[in-house]
C-alpha cells in the first residue's frame, strides 16, 4: 500500500484531463491512504473533544497539561520523522507511529492520575506526529500527475 508509485500512475500524461467531474473530486489512487488517515484522525478527534471531560471525571485538576505535552511531543517527533522514514522506509515508520498511537490510547484508558495522562499524551503525540505527515506525503506520491500539474 505504501510502496512505490504504481506504473499506471507514473505513466499518466502530465496534461491528461479527468474523465468526469467525479474523477476530479476523488483520486482513486490515494483512497487506501485516505482510509488510513480517516482511522488515525478518528481517535485524535475523540481525544481532543473529550479529554477535558474525561480528566475531570478521573479527578485530574490540570488536564490542560495533556494538550501541552501532546503538542510538545508532536513538535519534537516531526523534527526527525523525515530522516527516520528515509532510513527505515515509510511503511515501517507509519506502523511504528500507529503502534505508538494505540499504546497512547491504552494508557489513556488506564489513566488515573496526571502522570499517566501525560505519558498517554506523549505516546499519542509521538505516534500522531509520525503518522500524519507521512500519510500526507504518501497521498501526494500516489496522486496522478494531472492532479499535481493543475
N, C-alpha and C. Protein backbone atom coordinates (compact mmCIF):
# COMPACT_ATOMS: atom_id res chain seq x y z
N UNK A 1 0.82 -1.19 0.00
CA UNK A 1 0.00 0.00 0.00
C UNK A 1 0.86 1.25 0.00
N UNK A 2 2.00 1.24 0.70
CA UNK A 2 2.81 2.43 0.79
C UNK A 2 4.11 2.28 0.02
N UNK A 3 4.13 1.40 -0.97
CA UNK A 3 5.33 1.18 -1.75
C UNK A 3 5.54 2.28 -2.77
N UNK A 4 6.20 1.92 -3.85
CA UNK A 4 6.46 2.88 -4.90
C UNK A 4 5.20 3.17 -5.70
N UNK A 5 5.26 4.25 -6.45
CA UNK A 5 4.13 4.63 -7.30
C UNK A 5 3.84 3.50 -8.28
N UNK A 6 2.58 3.20 -8.48
CA UNK A 6 2.24 2.15 -9.42
C UNK A 6 2.54 2.61 -10.84
N UNK A 7 2.76 1.65 -11.73
CA UNK A 7 3.14 2.01 -13.10
C UNK A 7 2.02 2.77 -13.81
N UNK A 8 0.76 2.48 -13.49
CA UNK A 8 -0.33 3.19 -14.15
C UNK A 8 -0.37 4.66 -13.72
N UNK A 9 0.03 4.93 -12.48
CA UNK A 9 0.03 6.31 -12.03
C UNK A 9 1.20 7.07 -12.64
N UNK A 10 2.37 6.44 -12.69
CA UNK A 10 3.54 7.15 -13.18
C UNK A 10 3.51 7.33 -14.69
N UNK A 11 2.69 6.57 -15.43
CA UNK A 11 2.64 6.71 -16.87
C UNK A 11 1.55 7.67 -17.33
N UNK A 12 0.85 8.28 -16.39
CA UNK A 12 -0.20 9.22 -16.74
C UNK A 12 0.43 10.44 -17.39
N UNK A 13 -0.14 10.89 -18.49
CA UNK A 13 0.38 12.06 -19.17
C UNK A 13 0.24 13.29 -18.28
N UNK A 14 1.22 14.19 -18.28
CA UNK A 14 1.17 15.33 -17.39
C UNK A 14 -0.02 16.24 -17.64
N UNK A 15 -0.52 16.28 -18.87
CA UNK A 15 -1.62 17.18 -19.18
C UNK A 15 -2.93 16.43 -19.42
N UNK A 16 -3.00 15.18 -18.92
CA UNK A 16 -4.22 14.41 -19.10
C UNK A 16 -5.35 15.03 -18.29
N UNK A 17 -6.54 14.96 -18.81
CA UNK A 17 -7.71 15.52 -18.13
C UNK A 17 -8.47 14.41 -17.42
N UNK A 18 -9.25 14.77 -16.44
CA UNK A 18 -10.10 13.81 -15.75
C UNK A 18 -11.24 13.42 -16.68
N UNK A 19 -11.70 12.17 -16.55
CA UNK A 19 -12.76 11.67 -17.40
C UNK A 19 -14.11 12.26 -17.02
N UNK A 20 -14.31 12.57 -15.77
CA UNK A 20 -15.59 13.10 -15.32
C UNK A 20 -15.36 14.02 -14.14
N UNK A 21 -16.45 14.67 -13.73
CA UNK A 21 -16.35 15.53 -12.55
C UNK A 21 -16.08 14.71 -11.30
N UNK A 22 -16.59 13.48 -11.28
CA UNK A 22 -16.34 12.60 -10.14
C UNK A 22 -14.85 12.27 -10.03
N UNK A 23 -14.19 12.07 -11.18
CA UNK A 23 -12.75 11.82 -11.18
C UNK A 23 -11.99 13.03 -10.66
N UNK A 24 -12.52 14.21 -10.89
CA UNK A 24 -11.86 15.42 -10.39
C UNK A 24 -12.02 15.55 -8.88
N UNK A 25 -13.08 14.97 -8.34
CA UNK A 25 -13.36 15.07 -6.92
C UNK A 25 -12.63 14.00 -6.11
N UNK A 26 -12.57 12.78 -6.63
CA UNK A 26 -11.95 11.66 -5.92
C UNK A 26 -10.79 11.10 -6.74
N UNK A 27 -9.62 11.11 -6.16
CA UNK A 27 -8.45 10.50 -6.77
C UNK A 27 -8.36 9.06 -6.25
N UNK A 28 -8.69 8.11 -7.11
CA UNK A 28 -8.79 6.70 -6.69
C UNK A 28 -7.47 6.13 -6.18
N UNK A 29 -6.37 6.61 -6.70
CA UNK A 29 -5.08 6.04 -6.32
C UNK A 29 -4.70 6.35 -4.87
N UNK A 30 -5.32 7.34 -4.25
CA UNK A 30 -4.98 7.67 -2.87
C UNK A 30 -6.03 7.21 -1.86
N UNK A 31 -7.04 6.50 -2.31
CA UNK A 31 -8.10 6.05 -1.40
C UNK A 31 -7.60 5.17 -0.26
N UNK A 32 -6.69 4.20 -0.49
CA UNK A 32 -6.19 3.43 0.66
C UNK A 32 -5.50 4.32 1.70
N UNK A 33 -4.72 5.27 1.24
CA UNK A 33 -4.06 6.20 2.15
C UNK A 33 -5.08 7.03 2.90
N UNK A 34 -6.12 7.47 2.20
CA UNK A 34 -7.18 8.27 2.84
C UNK A 34 -7.91 7.48 3.91
N UNK A 35 -8.11 6.20 3.69
CA UNK A 35 -8.76 5.37 4.71
C UNK A 35 -7.90 5.25 5.96
N UNK A 36 -6.60 5.10 5.78
CA UNK A 36 -5.71 5.04 6.93
C UNK A 36 -5.73 6.38 7.67
N UNK A 37 -5.72 7.48 6.92
CA UNK A 37 -5.82 8.80 7.54
C UNK A 37 -7.12 8.92 8.33
N UNK A 38 -8.22 8.47 7.77
CA UNK A 38 -9.51 8.53 8.45
C UNK A 38 -9.45 7.80 9.80
N UNK A 39 -8.87 6.60 9.79
CA UNK A 39 -8.84 5.81 11.02
C UNK A 39 -7.78 6.28 12.01
N UNK A 40 -6.87 7.16 11.60
CA UNK A 40 -5.96 7.76 12.57
C UNK A 40 -6.49 9.09 13.08
N UNK A 41 -7.33 9.75 12.30
CA UNK A 41 -7.93 11.02 12.73
C UNK A 41 -9.07 10.78 13.72
N UNK A 42 -9.77 9.68 13.60
CA UNK A 42 -10.91 9.42 14.48
C UNK A 42 -10.51 9.40 15.97
N UNK A 43 -9.48 8.66 16.38
CA UNK A 43 -9.12 8.72 17.80
C UNK A 43 -8.59 10.09 18.22
N UNK A 44 -7.91 10.77 17.30
CA UNK A 44 -7.43 12.12 17.59
C UNK A 44 -8.60 13.04 17.91
N UNK A 45 -9.63 13.01 17.08
CA UNK A 45 -10.81 13.84 17.30
C UNK A 45 -11.51 13.51 18.60
N UNK A 46 -11.61 12.23 18.90
CA UNK A 46 -12.26 11.81 20.14
C UNK A 46 -11.48 12.29 21.36
N UNK A 47 -10.16 12.16 21.30
CA UNK A 47 -9.35 12.61 22.43
C UNK A 47 -9.47 14.11 22.62
N UNK A 48 -9.31 14.85 21.55
CA UNK A 48 -9.35 16.31 21.67
C UNK A 48 -10.73 16.81 22.12
N UNK A 49 -11.77 16.11 21.77
CA UNK A 49 -13.12 16.54 22.15
C UNK A 49 -13.46 16.17 23.59
N UNK A 50 -12.98 15.03 24.06
CA UNK A 50 -13.45 14.51 25.34
C UNK A 50 -12.41 14.42 26.44
N UNK A 51 -11.15 14.76 26.16
CA UNK A 51 -10.12 14.58 27.19
C UNK A 51 -10.38 15.45 28.41
N UNK A 52 -10.88 16.65 28.21
CA UNK A 52 -11.15 17.52 29.36
C UNK A 52 -12.22 16.91 30.27
N UNK A 53 -13.30 16.44 29.68
CA UNK A 53 -14.36 15.81 30.48
C UNK A 53 -13.87 14.53 31.15
N UNK A 54 -13.09 13.75 30.41
CA UNK A 54 -12.57 12.51 30.96
C UNK A 54 -11.62 12.81 32.13
N UNK A 55 -10.77 13.81 31.97
CA UNK A 55 -9.84 14.18 33.03
C UNK A 55 -10.57 14.63 34.29
N UNK A 56 -11.60 15.45 34.11
CA UNK A 56 -12.40 15.89 35.27
C UNK A 56 -13.06 14.69 35.93
N UNK A 57 -13.59 13.78 35.13
CA UNK A 57 -14.23 12.57 35.65
C UNK A 57 -13.24 11.71 36.44
N UNK A 58 -11.98 11.72 36.04
CA UNK A 58 -10.95 10.93 36.71
C UNK A 58 -10.32 11.68 37.88
N UNK A 59 -10.75 12.93 38.11
CA UNK A 59 -10.24 13.70 39.24
C UNK A 59 -8.96 14.46 38.95
N UNK A 60 -8.65 14.69 37.68
CA UNK A 60 -7.45 15.43 37.30
C UNK A 60 -7.79 16.91 37.24
N UNK A 61 -7.04 17.72 37.99
CA UNK A 61 -7.36 19.14 38.06
C UNK A 61 -6.79 19.93 36.89
N UNK A 62 -5.57 19.65 36.48
CA UNK A 62 -4.92 20.45 35.44
C UNK A 62 -4.76 19.64 34.16
N UNK A 63 -5.87 19.30 33.55
CA UNK A 63 -5.84 18.46 32.35
C UNK A 63 -5.26 19.21 31.15
N UNK A 64 -5.18 20.53 31.23
CA UNK A 64 -4.59 21.31 30.16
C UNK A 64 -3.14 20.92 29.87
N UNK A 65 -2.45 20.36 30.86
CA UNK A 65 -1.09 19.88 30.64
C UNK A 65 -1.06 18.74 29.62
N UNK A 66 -2.16 18.02 29.49
CA UNK A 66 -2.24 16.96 28.48
C UNK A 66 -1.99 17.56 27.10
N UNK A 67 -2.66 18.67 26.81
CA UNK A 67 -2.51 19.31 25.50
C UNK A 67 -1.10 19.85 25.29
N UNK A 68 -0.51 20.36 26.36
CA UNK A 68 0.87 20.88 26.26
C UNK A 68 1.86 19.77 25.96
N UNK A 69 1.75 18.65 26.66
CA UNK A 69 2.66 17.53 26.42
C UNK A 69 2.43 16.91 25.05
N UNK A 70 1.17 16.84 24.65
CA UNK A 70 0.84 16.33 23.31
C UNK A 70 1.49 17.21 22.25
N UNK A 71 1.33 18.52 22.37
CA UNK A 71 1.88 19.45 21.37
C UNK A 71 3.40 19.40 21.36
N UNK A 72 4.02 19.31 22.52
CA UNK A 72 5.48 19.25 22.59
C UNK A 72 6.02 17.98 21.94
N UNK A 73 5.40 16.85 22.24
CA UNK A 73 5.87 15.59 21.64
C UNK A 73 5.61 15.58 20.14
N UNK A 74 4.50 16.15 19.71
CA UNK A 74 4.20 16.27 18.29
C UNK A 74 5.28 17.08 17.58
N UNK A 75 5.66 18.20 18.17
CA UNK A 75 6.69 19.08 17.60
C UNK A 75 8.03 18.37 17.53
N UNK A 76 8.42 17.74 18.61
CA UNK A 76 9.74 17.10 18.68
C UNK A 76 9.87 15.97 17.65
N UNK A 77 8.86 15.13 17.55
CA UNK A 77 8.97 13.99 16.63
C UNK A 77 8.96 14.43 15.17
N UNK A 78 8.28 15.51 14.86
CA UNK A 78 8.24 15.95 13.47
C UNK A 78 9.57 16.49 12.99
N UNK A 79 10.46 16.84 13.91
CA UNK A 79 11.79 17.31 13.52
C UNK A 79 12.60 16.20 12.86
N UNK A 80 12.38 14.95 13.24
CA UNK A 80 13.19 13.86 12.71
C UNK A 80 12.46 12.79 11.94
N UNK A 81 11.15 12.95 11.75
CA UNK A 81 10.38 11.89 11.12
C UNK A 81 10.79 11.68 9.66
N UNK A 82 11.17 12.71 8.97
CA UNK A 82 11.60 12.57 7.58
C UNK A 82 12.86 11.73 7.45
N UNK A 83 13.82 12.00 8.32
CA UNK A 83 15.06 11.22 8.29
C UNK A 83 14.82 9.76 8.66
N UNK A 84 13.92 9.54 9.63
CA UNK A 84 13.60 8.16 10.00
C UNK A 84 12.95 7.41 8.85
N UNK A 85 12.02 8.07 8.15
CA UNK A 85 11.35 7.38 7.04
C UNK A 85 12.30 7.16 5.88
N UNK A 86 13.25 8.05 5.67
CA UNK A 86 14.25 7.83 4.62
C UNK A 86 15.15 6.66 4.96
N UNK A 87 15.46 6.52 6.23
CA UNK A 87 16.38 5.46 6.63
C UNK A 87 15.73 4.09 6.72
N UNK A 88 14.50 4.02 7.29
CA UNK A 88 13.87 2.73 7.55
C UNK A 88 12.68 2.43 6.64
N UNK A 89 12.24 3.40 5.86
CA UNK A 89 11.10 3.19 4.98
C UNK A 89 9.82 3.75 5.59
N UNK A 90 8.98 4.28 4.73
CA UNK A 90 7.75 4.92 5.18
C UNK A 90 6.83 3.93 5.88
N UNK A 91 6.69 2.74 5.31
CA UNK A 91 5.76 1.76 5.88
C UNK A 91 6.15 1.39 7.31
N UNK A 92 7.41 1.11 7.54
CA UNK A 92 7.86 0.72 8.88
C UNK A 92 7.62 1.84 9.89
N UNK A 93 7.87 3.07 9.49
CA UNK A 93 7.70 4.19 10.42
C UNK A 93 6.22 4.48 10.66
N UNK A 94 5.39 4.34 9.63
CA UNK A 94 3.95 4.52 9.84
C UNK A 94 3.41 3.46 10.80
N UNK A 95 3.84 2.22 10.64
CA UNK A 95 3.41 1.16 11.56
C UNK A 95 3.86 1.47 12.98
N UNK A 96 5.10 1.93 13.13
CA UNK A 96 5.58 2.32 14.46
C UNK A 96 4.72 3.43 15.04
N UNK A 97 4.37 4.41 14.23
CA UNK A 97 3.53 5.51 14.70
C UNK A 97 2.14 5.05 15.12
N UNK A 98 1.56 4.14 14.35
CA UNK A 98 0.24 3.61 14.70
C UNK A 98 0.31 2.83 16.00
N UNK A 99 1.38 2.08 16.20
CA UNK A 99 1.56 1.34 17.46
C UNK A 99 1.68 2.32 18.63
N UNK A 100 2.43 3.41 18.44
CA UNK A 100 2.55 4.43 19.50
C UNK A 100 1.20 5.06 19.82
N UNK A 101 0.42 5.36 18.77
CA UNK A 101 -0.92 5.92 19.00
C UNK A 101 -1.78 4.94 19.78
N UNK A 102 -1.74 3.68 19.39
CA UNK A 102 -2.52 2.65 20.07
C UNK A 102 -2.11 2.53 21.53
N UNK A 103 -0.80 2.55 21.78
CA UNK A 103 -0.31 2.48 23.16
C UNK A 103 -0.78 3.69 23.97
N UNK A 104 -0.77 4.86 23.32
CA UNK A 104 -1.26 6.06 23.99
C UNK A 104 -2.72 5.94 24.38
N UNK A 105 -3.52 5.32 23.51
CA UNK A 105 -4.94 5.12 23.82
C UNK A 105 -5.12 4.13 24.95
N UNK A 106 -4.34 3.06 24.96
CA UNK A 106 -4.42 2.06 26.03
C UNK A 106 -4.05 2.69 27.36
N UNK A 107 -2.95 3.44 27.38
CA UNK A 107 -2.52 4.10 28.61
C UNK A 107 -3.58 5.10 29.07
N UNK A 108 -4.20 5.81 28.14
CA UNK A 108 -5.24 6.76 28.50
C UNK A 108 -6.42 6.06 29.16
N UNK A 109 -6.73 4.87 28.72
CA UNK A 109 -7.80 4.10 29.34
C UNK A 109 -7.49 3.72 30.78
N UNK A 110 -6.21 3.58 31.11
CA UNK A 110 -5.79 3.24 32.46
C UNK A 110 -5.51 4.46 33.32
N UNK A 111 -5.53 5.62 32.74
CA UNK A 111 -5.09 6.84 33.43
C UNK A 111 -5.96 7.15 34.63
N UNK A 112 -5.28 7.27 35.77
CA UNK A 112 -5.99 7.62 36.99
C UNK A 112 -5.34 8.80 37.71
N UNK A 113 -4.18 9.22 37.20
CA UNK A 113 -3.52 10.40 37.76
C UNK A 113 -2.86 11.19 36.63
N UNK A 114 -2.38 12.37 36.95
CA UNK A 114 -1.84 13.26 35.92
C UNK A 114 -0.63 12.67 35.22
N UNK A 115 0.22 11.97 35.93
CA UNK A 115 1.42 11.39 35.32
C UNK A 115 1.06 10.41 34.21
N UNK A 116 0.10 9.56 34.45
CA UNK A 116 -0.31 8.58 33.45
C UNK A 116 -0.98 9.28 32.27
N UNK A 117 -1.76 10.33 32.55
CA UNK A 117 -2.34 11.12 31.47
C UNK A 117 -1.25 11.71 30.59
N UNK A 118 -0.19 12.21 31.21
CA UNK A 118 0.90 12.83 30.44
C UNK A 118 1.68 11.80 29.65
N UNK A 119 1.86 10.60 30.19
CA UNK A 119 2.51 9.52 29.42
C UNK A 119 1.67 9.20 28.20
N UNK A 120 0.36 9.15 28.37
CA UNK A 120 -0.54 8.92 27.24
C UNK A 120 -0.41 10.02 26.20
N UNK A 121 -0.33 11.26 26.65
CA UNK A 121 -0.19 12.39 25.73
C UNK A 121 1.10 12.29 24.92
N UNK A 122 2.17 11.90 25.58
CA UNK A 122 3.46 11.77 24.89
C UNK A 122 3.40 10.65 23.85
N UNK A 123 2.89 9.51 24.24
CA UNK A 123 2.81 8.38 23.31
C UNK A 123 1.92 8.71 22.11
N UNK A 124 0.74 9.27 22.39
CA UNK A 124 -0.18 9.58 21.31
C UNK A 124 0.38 10.70 20.43
N UNK A 125 1.00 11.70 21.04
CA UNK A 125 1.60 12.79 20.28
C UNK A 125 2.74 12.31 19.39
N UNK A 126 3.59 11.44 19.91
CA UNK A 126 4.68 10.89 19.10
C UNK A 126 4.11 10.09 17.93
N UNK A 127 3.12 9.26 18.21
CA UNK A 127 2.53 8.45 17.15
C UNK A 127 1.86 9.29 16.08
N UNK A 128 1.04 10.25 16.51
CA UNK A 128 0.33 11.09 15.54
C UNK A 128 1.31 11.97 14.77
N UNK A 129 2.35 12.43 15.44
CA UNK A 129 3.37 13.24 14.77
C UNK A 129 4.15 12.48 13.72
N UNK A 130 4.23 11.19 13.87
CA UNK A 130 4.89 10.34 12.89
C UNK A 130 3.92 10.01 11.74
N UNK A 131 2.73 9.58 12.09
CA UNK A 131 1.80 9.04 11.10
C UNK A 131 1.26 10.11 10.14
N UNK A 132 0.77 11.20 10.67
CA UNK A 132 0.03 12.13 9.82
C UNK A 132 0.89 12.76 8.72
N UNK A 133 2.08 13.28 8.99
CA UNK A 133 2.87 13.86 7.89
C UNK A 133 3.28 12.82 6.84
N UNK A 134 3.56 11.60 7.30
CA UNK A 134 3.96 10.57 6.34
C UNK A 134 2.79 10.14 5.46
N UNK A 135 1.59 10.08 6.03
CA UNK A 135 0.42 9.74 5.22
C UNK A 135 0.11 10.86 4.23
N UNK A 136 0.30 12.10 4.63
CA UNK A 136 0.11 13.21 3.69
C UNK A 136 1.10 13.10 2.53
N UNK A 137 2.35 12.81 2.84
CA UNK A 137 3.36 12.65 1.80
C UNK A 137 3.03 11.47 0.89
N UNK A 138 2.54 10.38 1.48
CA UNK A 138 2.17 9.21 0.69
C UNK A 138 1.02 9.54 -0.25
N UNK A 139 0.04 10.27 0.23
CA UNK A 139 -1.06 10.70 -0.64
C UNK A 139 -0.58 11.53 -1.80
N UNK A 140 0.39 12.38 -1.56
CA UNK A 140 0.96 13.20 -2.63
C UNK A 140 1.69 12.32 -3.64
N UNK A 141 2.44 11.36 -3.16
CA UNK A 141 3.20 10.47 -4.06
C UNK A 141 2.27 9.67 -4.96
N UNK A 142 1.14 9.22 -4.42
CA UNK A 142 0.23 8.39 -5.19
C UNK A 142 -0.75 9.19 -6.05
N UNK A 143 -0.76 10.50 -5.94
CA UNK A 143 -1.66 11.31 -6.76
C UNK A 143 -1.24 11.24 -8.22
N UNK A 144 -2.23 11.28 -9.10
CA UNK A 144 -1.94 11.28 -10.53
C UNK A 144 -1.22 12.55 -10.94
N UNK A 145 -0.43 12.45 -11.97
CA UNK A 145 0.34 13.60 -12.43
C UNK A 145 -0.56 14.76 -12.84
N UNK A 146 -1.72 14.49 -13.43
CA UNK A 146 -2.57 15.60 -13.88
C UNK A 146 -3.12 16.39 -12.72
N UNK A 147 -3.29 15.74 -11.56
CA UNK A 147 -3.73 16.46 -10.36
C UNK A 147 -2.61 17.37 -9.87
N UNK A 148 -1.40 16.88 -9.89
CA UNK A 148 -0.27 17.64 -9.38
C UNK A 148 0.10 18.80 -10.29
N UNK A 149 -0.24 18.71 -11.57
CA UNK A 149 0.16 19.75 -12.53
C UNK A 149 -0.96 20.72 -12.87
N UNK A 150 -2.02 20.77 -12.09
CA UNK A 150 -3.10 21.70 -12.39
C UNK A 150 -2.67 23.11 -12.19
